[in-house]
């Protein structure tokens, strides 16, 4: 959660997919496939505006970066607000078909959104995001999430 807040503060656009059932499988074939511990350097490189992977998503699977530069399906929903960009539409589109949580950071507004089950919740506070992740993932997964984001607060990843 601290990592997402930091990206939002910097207005650095980001898409982070938290896989919940391994349903992405073959869908990430066009992405840069990784099996890497999440680190400050890795995520800063991926989401740096000049990075070729910047506009794609990072896929977190079992607490590790499984892929980067993943281009997700765009929602076919036609009633979405005009101000929603490609990242938000992709987050909705993926969660229409796959059991996952997608966190979106808007580079235009510095706003955090969360997509789940084809629905987008916008302007999510970090405290609400923490509560939702706790509810959706359970304490073990949230603790793993917190460990990999602790480096944003200057801590060491365990």
C-alpha atoms as a PDB file:
ATOM      1  CA  UNK A   1       0.000   0.000   0.000  1.00  0.00           C
ATOM      2  CA  UNK A   2       2.855   2.365   0.773  1.00  0.00           C
ATOM      3  CA  UNK A   3       4.316   1.692  -2.689  1.00  0.00           C
ATOM      4  CA  UNK A   4       1.070   2.609  -4.406  1.00  0.00           C
ATOM      5  CA  UNK A   5       0.825   5.777  -2.308  1.00  0.00           C
ATOM      6  CA  UNK A   6       4.362   6.734  -3.308  1.00  0.00           C
ATOM      7  CA  UNK A   7       3.592   6.215  -7.003  1.00  0.00           C
ATOM      8  CA  UNK A   8       0.448   8.322  -6.633  1.00  0.00           C
ATOM      9  CA  UNK A   9       2.357  11.117  -4.888  1.00  0.00           C
ATOM     10  CA  UNK A  10       4.815  11.153  -7.783  1.00  0.00           C
ATOM     11  CA  UNK A  11       1.989  10.939 -10.342  1.00  0.00           C
ATOM     12  CA  UNK A  12       3.690   7.950 -11.849  1.00  0.00           C
ATOM     13  CA  UNK A  13       1.120   5.874 -13.705  1.00  0.00           C
ATOM     14  CA  UNK A  14       1.021   2.228 -12.702  1.00  0.00           C
ATOM     15  CA  UNK A  15      -0.981  -0.955 -13.051  1.00  0.00           C
ATOM     16  CA  UNK A  16      -0.421  -3.718 -10.514  1.00  0.00           C
ATOM     17  CA  UNK A  17      -2.290  -6.995 -10.895  1.00  0.00           C
ATOM     18  CA  UNK A  18      -2.525  -9.165  -7.807  1.00  0.00           C
ATOM     19  CA  UNK A  19      -3.378 -12.614  -9.057  1.00  0.00           C
ATOM     20  CA  UNK A  20      -5.856 -14.443  -6.855  1.00  0.00           C
ATOM     21  CA  UNK A  21      -6.229 -17.784  -8.563  1.00  0.00           C
ATOM     22  CA  UNK A  22      -3.523 -18.237 -11.143  1.00  0.00           C
ATOM     23  CA  UNK A  23      -6.019 -17.604 -13.925  1.00  0.00           C
ATOM     24  CA  UNK A  24      -3.752 -15.372 -16.005  1.00  0.00           C
ATOM     25  CA  UNK A  25      -1.553 -18.262 -17.110  1.00  0.00           C
ATOM     26  CA  UNK A  26      -1.060 -18.011 -20.869  1.00  0.00           C
ATOM     27  CA  UNK A  27      -2.507 -14.471 -21.028  1.00  0.00           C
ATOM     28  CA  UNK A  28       0.816 -12.947 -20.005  1.00  0.00           C
ATOM     29  CA  UNK A  29       2.702 -14.474 -22.943  1.00  0.00           C
ATOM     30  CA  UNK A  30       3.300 -11.086 -24.594  1.00  0.00           C
ATOM     31  CA  UNK A  31       4.761  -9.621 -21.414  1.00  0.00           C
ATOM     32  CA  UNK A  32       8.312  -9.726 -20.119  1.00  0.00           C
ATOM     33  CA  UNK A  33       8.123 -12.897 -18.033  1.00  0.00           C
ATOM     34  CA  UNK A  34       9.996 -12.611 -14.756  1.00  0.00           C
ATOM     35  CA  UNK A  35      10.412 -14.537 -11.572  1.00  0.00           C
ATOM     36  CA  UNK A  36      11.829 -11.832  -9.384  1.00  0.00           C
ATOM     37  CA  UNK A  37      11.626 -10.642  -5.860  1.00  0.00           C
ATOM     38  CA  UNK A  38       9.991  -7.278  -5.726  1.00  0.00           C
ATOM     39  CA  UNK A  39      12.591  -4.600  -5.139  1.00  0.00           C
ATOM     40  CA  UNK A  40      12.772  -0.840  -5.198  1.00  0.00           C
ATOM     41  CA  UNK A  41      15.068  -0.821  -8.219  1.00  0.00           C
ATOM     42  CA  UNK A  42      12.902  -3.213 -10.186  1.00  0.00           C
ATOM     43  CA  UNK A  43       9.645  -1.335  -9.696  1.00  0.00           C
ATOM     44  CA  UNK A  44      11.246   2.073 -10.204  1.00  0.00           C
ATOM     45  CA  UNK A  45      12.674   0.788 -13.475  1.00  0.00           C
ATOM     46  CA  UNK A  46       9.402  -0.715 -14.615  1.00  0.00           C
ATOM     47  CA  UNK A  47       7.265   2.316 -13.829  1.00  0.00           C
ATOM     48  CA  UNK A  48       9.788   4.968 -14.870  1.00  0.00           C
ATOM     49  CA  UNK A  49       8.100   7.060 -17.587  1.00  0.00           C
ATOM     50  CA  UNK A  50      10.900   6.332 -20.089  1.00  0.00           C
ATOM     51  CA  UNK A  51      10.742   2.571 -19.559  1.00  0.00           C
ATOM     52  CA  UNK A  52       9.290   0.510 -22.408  1.00  0.00           C
ATOM     53  CA  UNK A  53       7.386  -1.459 -19.742  1.00  0.00           C
ATOM     54  CA  UNK A  54       5.870   1.641 -18.108  1.00  0.00           C
ATOM     55  CA  UNK A  55       2.482   1.482 -19.810  1.00  0.00           C
ATOM     56  CA  UNK A  56       1.974  -2.203 -19.140  1.00  0.00           C
ATOM     57  CA  UNK A  57       1.063  -3.903 -15.894  1.00  0.00           C
ATOM     58  CA  UNK A  58       3.158  -5.702 -13.333  1.00  0.00           C
ATOM     59  CA  UNK A  59       1.725  -9.069 -12.355  1.00  0.00           C
ATOM     60  CA  UNK A  60       2.285 -10.178  -8.779  1.00  0.00           C
ATOM     61  CA  UNK A  61       1.896 -13.911  -8.335  1.00  0.00           C
ATOM     62  CA  UNK A  62       2.525 -15.525  -4.961  1.00  0.00           C
ATOM     63  CA  UNK A  63       4.379 -12.465  -3.704  1.00  0.00           C
ATOM     64  CA  UNK A  64       6.791 -12.249  -6.671  1.00  0.00           C
ATOM     65  CA  UNK A  65       6.890 -10.267  -9.881  1.00  0.00           C
ATOM     66  CA  UNK A  66       5.800 -12.808 -12.494  1.00  0.00           C
ATOM     67  CA  UNK A  67       5.583 -10.400 -15.428  1.00  0.00           C
ATOM     68  CA  UNK A  68       5.995  -6.784 -16.462  1.00  0.00           C
ATOM     69  CA  UNK A  69       4.815  -4.886 -19.484  1.00  0.00           C
ATOM     70  CA  UNK A  70       1.627  -6.914 -19.570  1.00  0.00           C
ATOM     71  CA  UNK A  71      -1.015  -5.316 -21.793  1.00  0.00           C
ATOM     72  CA  UNK A  72      -4.416  -6.214 -20.455  1.00  0.00           C
ATOM     73  CA  UNK A  73      -7.702  -6.480 -22.354  1.00  0.00           C
ATOM     74  CA  UNK A  74      -9.675  -3.236 -22.507  1.00  0.00           C
ATOM     75  CA  UNK A  75     -13.235  -3.300 -21.204  1.00  0.00           C
ATOM     76  CA  UNK A  76     -15.924  -3.352 -23.870  1.00  0.00           C
ATOM     77  CA  UNK A  77     -18.199  -1.403 -21.498  1.00  0.00           C
ATOM     78  CA  UNK A  78     -19.426   1.708 -23.331  1.00  0.00           C
ATOM     79  CA  UNK A  79     -20.926   3.526 -20.350  1.00  0.00           C
ATOM     80  CA  UNK A  80     -17.636   4.318 -18.614  1.00  0.00           C
ATOM     81  CA  UNK A  81     -16.883   7.972 -17.846  1.00  0.00           C
ATOM     82  CA  UNK A  82     -14.860   9.761 -20.540  1.00  0.00           C
ATOM     83  CA  UNK A  83     -12.133  10.749 -18.084  1.00  0.00           C
ATOM     84  CA  UNK A  84     -11.148   7.117 -17.540  1.00  0.00           C
ATOM     85  CA  UNK A  85      -8.026   6.339 -19.511  1.00  0.00           C
ATOM     86  CA  UNK A  86      -6.539   3.156 -20.869  1.00  0.00           C
ATOM     87  CA  UNK A  87      -5.152   1.967 -17.524  1.00  0.00           C
ATOM     88  CA  UNK A  88      -8.545   2.174 -15.848  1.00  0.00           C
ATOM     89  CA  UNK A  89     -10.339   0.523 -18.780  1.00  0.00           C
ATOM     90  CA  UNK A  90      -7.752  -2.258 -18.816  1.00  0.00           C
ATOM     91  CA  UNK A  91      -8.161  -2.815 -15.059  1.00  0.00           C
ATOM     92  CA  UNK A  92     -11.917  -3.145 -15.485  1.00  0.00           C
ATOM     93  CA  UNK A  93     -11.501  -5.372 -18.549  1.00  0.00           C
ATOM     94  CA  UNK A  94      -9.169  -7.830 -16.844  1.00  0.00           C
ATOM     95  CA  UNK A  95     -11.317  -8.151 -13.738  1.00  0.00           C
ATOM     96  CA  UNK A  96     -14.399  -8.809 -15.885  1.00  0.00           C
ATOM     97  CA  UNK A  97     -12.791 -12.128 -16.883  1.00  0.00           C
ATOM     98  CA  UNK A  98     -10.243 -13.052 -14.209  1.00  0.00           C
ATOM     99  CA  UNK A  99     -10.281 -13.294 -10.427  1.00  0.00           C
ATOM    100  CA  UNK A 100      -7.690 -10.636  -9.631  1.00  0.00           C
ATOM    101  CA  UNK A 101      -7.312  -7.306  -7.959  1.00  0.00           C
ATOM    102  CA  UNK A 102      -5.921  -4.527 -10.113  1.00  0.00           C
ATOM    103  CA  UNK A 103      -4.511  -1.391  -8.549  1.00  0.00           C
ATOM    104  CA  UNK A 104      -4.323   1.647 -10.802  1.00  0.00           C
ATOM    105  CA  UNK A 105      -2.365   4.839 -10.268  1.00  0.00           C
ATOM    106  CA  UNK A 106      -3.411   7.704 -12.500  1.00  0.00           C
ATOM    107  CA  UNK A 107      -0.493   9.812 -13.670  1.00  0.00           C
ATOM    108  CA  UNK A 108      -2.869  12.651 -14.561  1.00  0.00           C
ATOM    109  CA  UNK A 109      -4.624  12.877 -11.179  1.00  0.00           C
ATOM    110  CA  UNK A 110      -2.295  11.016  -8.826  1.00  0.00           C
ATOM    111  CA  UNK A 111      -5.356   9.019  -7.817  1.00  0.00           C
ATOM    112  CA  UNK A 112      -5.432   5.407  -6.631  1.00  0.00           C
ATOM    113  CA  UNK A 113      -8.186   3.147  -7.947  1.00  0.00           C
ATOM    114  CA  UNK A 114      -8.939  -0.519  -7.435  1.00  0.00           C
ATOM    115  CA  UNK A 115     -10.697  -2.826  -9.890  1.00  0.00           C
ATOM    116  CA  UNK A 116     -12.408  -6.002  -8.794  1.00  0.00           C
ATOM    117  CA  UNK A 117     -15.087  -8.109 -10.504  1.00  0.00           C
ATOM    118  CA  UNK A 118     -15.399  -5.657 -13.405  1.00  0.00           C
ATOM    119  CA  UNK A 119     -16.056  -2.702 -11.114  1.00  0.00           C
ATOM    120  CA  UNK A 120     -13.745   0.247 -10.486  1.00  0.00           C
ATOM    121  CA  UNK A 121     -13.532   2.026  -7.168  1.00  0.00           C
ATOM    122  CA  UNK A 122     -11.892   5.411  -7.632  1.00  0.00           C
ATOM    123  CA  UNK A 123     -10.073   7.764  -5.260  1.00  0.00           C
ATOM    124  CA  UNK A 124      -9.294   5.006  -2.778  1.00  0.00           C
ATOM    125  CA  UNK A 125      -7.448   6.203   0.311  1.00  0.00           C
ATOM    126  CA  UNK A 126      -4.458   4.224   1.504  1.00  0.00           C
ATOM    127  CA  UNK A 127      -6.296   3.245   4.696  1.00  0.00           C
ATOM    128  CA  UNK A 128      -9.292   1.983   2.702  1.00  0.00           C
ATOM    129  CA  UNK A 129      -6.952   0.153   0.333  1.00  0.00           C
ATOM    130  CA  UNK A 130      -5.254  -1.569   3.263  1.00  0.00           C
ATOM    131  CA  UNK A 131      -8.638  -2.601   4.681  1.00  0.00           C
ATOM    132  CA  UNK A 132      -9.873  -3.906   1.315  1.00  0.00           C
ATOM    133  CA  UNK A 133      -6.704  -5.916   0.668  1.00  0.00           C
ATOM    134  CA  UNK A 134      -6.956  -7.364   4.169  1.00  0.00           C
ATOM    135  CA  UNK A 135     -10.559  -8.362   3.550  1.00  0.00           C
ATOM    136  CA  UNK A 136      -9.962  -9.755   0.054  1.00  0.00           C
ATOM    137  CA  UNK A 137      -6.621 -11.474   0.484  1.00  0.00           C
ATOM    138  CA  UNK A 138      -6.557 -12.400   4.137  1.00  0.00           C
ATOM    139  CA  UNK A 139      -3.820 -11.623   6.581  1.00  0.00           C
ATOM    140  CA  UNK A 140      -1.141 -13.921   5.107  1.00  0.00           C
ATOM    141  CA  UNK A 141      -1.283 -12.377   1.624  1.00  0.00           C
ATOM    142  CA  UNK A 142      -1.565  -8.837   3.002  1.00  0.00           C
ATOM    143  CA  UNK A 143       1.500  -9.446   5.173  1.00  0.00           C
ATOM    144  CA  UNK A 144       3.373 -10.601   2.046  1.00  0.00           C
ATOM    145  CA  UNK A 145       2.117  -7.458   0.237  1.00  0.00           C
ATOM    146  CA  UNK A 146       3.304  -5.276   3.124  1.00  0.00           C
ATOM    147  CA  UNK A 147       6.748  -6.911   3.128  1.00  0.00           C
ATOM    148  CA  UNK A 148       7.298  -6.212  -0.548  1.00  0.00           C
ATOM    149  CA  UNK A 149       6.122  -2.625  -0.216  1.00  0.00           C
ATOM    150  CA  UNK A 150       8.136  -1.908   2.927  1.00  0.00           C
ATOM    151  CA  UNK A 151      11.116  -0.713   0.899  1.00  0.00           C
ATOM    152  CA  UNK A 152       9.046   2.376  -0.071  1.00  0.00           C
ATOM    153  CA  UNK A 153       9.195   3.309   3.594  1.00  0.00           C
ATOM    154  CA  UNK A 154      12.947   2.707   3.704  1.00  0.00           C
ATOM    155  CA  UNK A 155      12.743  -0.760   5.237  1.00  0.00           C
ATOM    156  CA  UNK A 156      14.358  -3.955   4.098  1.00  0.00           C
ATOM    157  CA  UNK A 157      12.420  -6.585   2.205  1.00  0.00           C
ATOM    158  CA  UNK A 158      12.257  -9.908   3.981  1.00  0.00           C
END
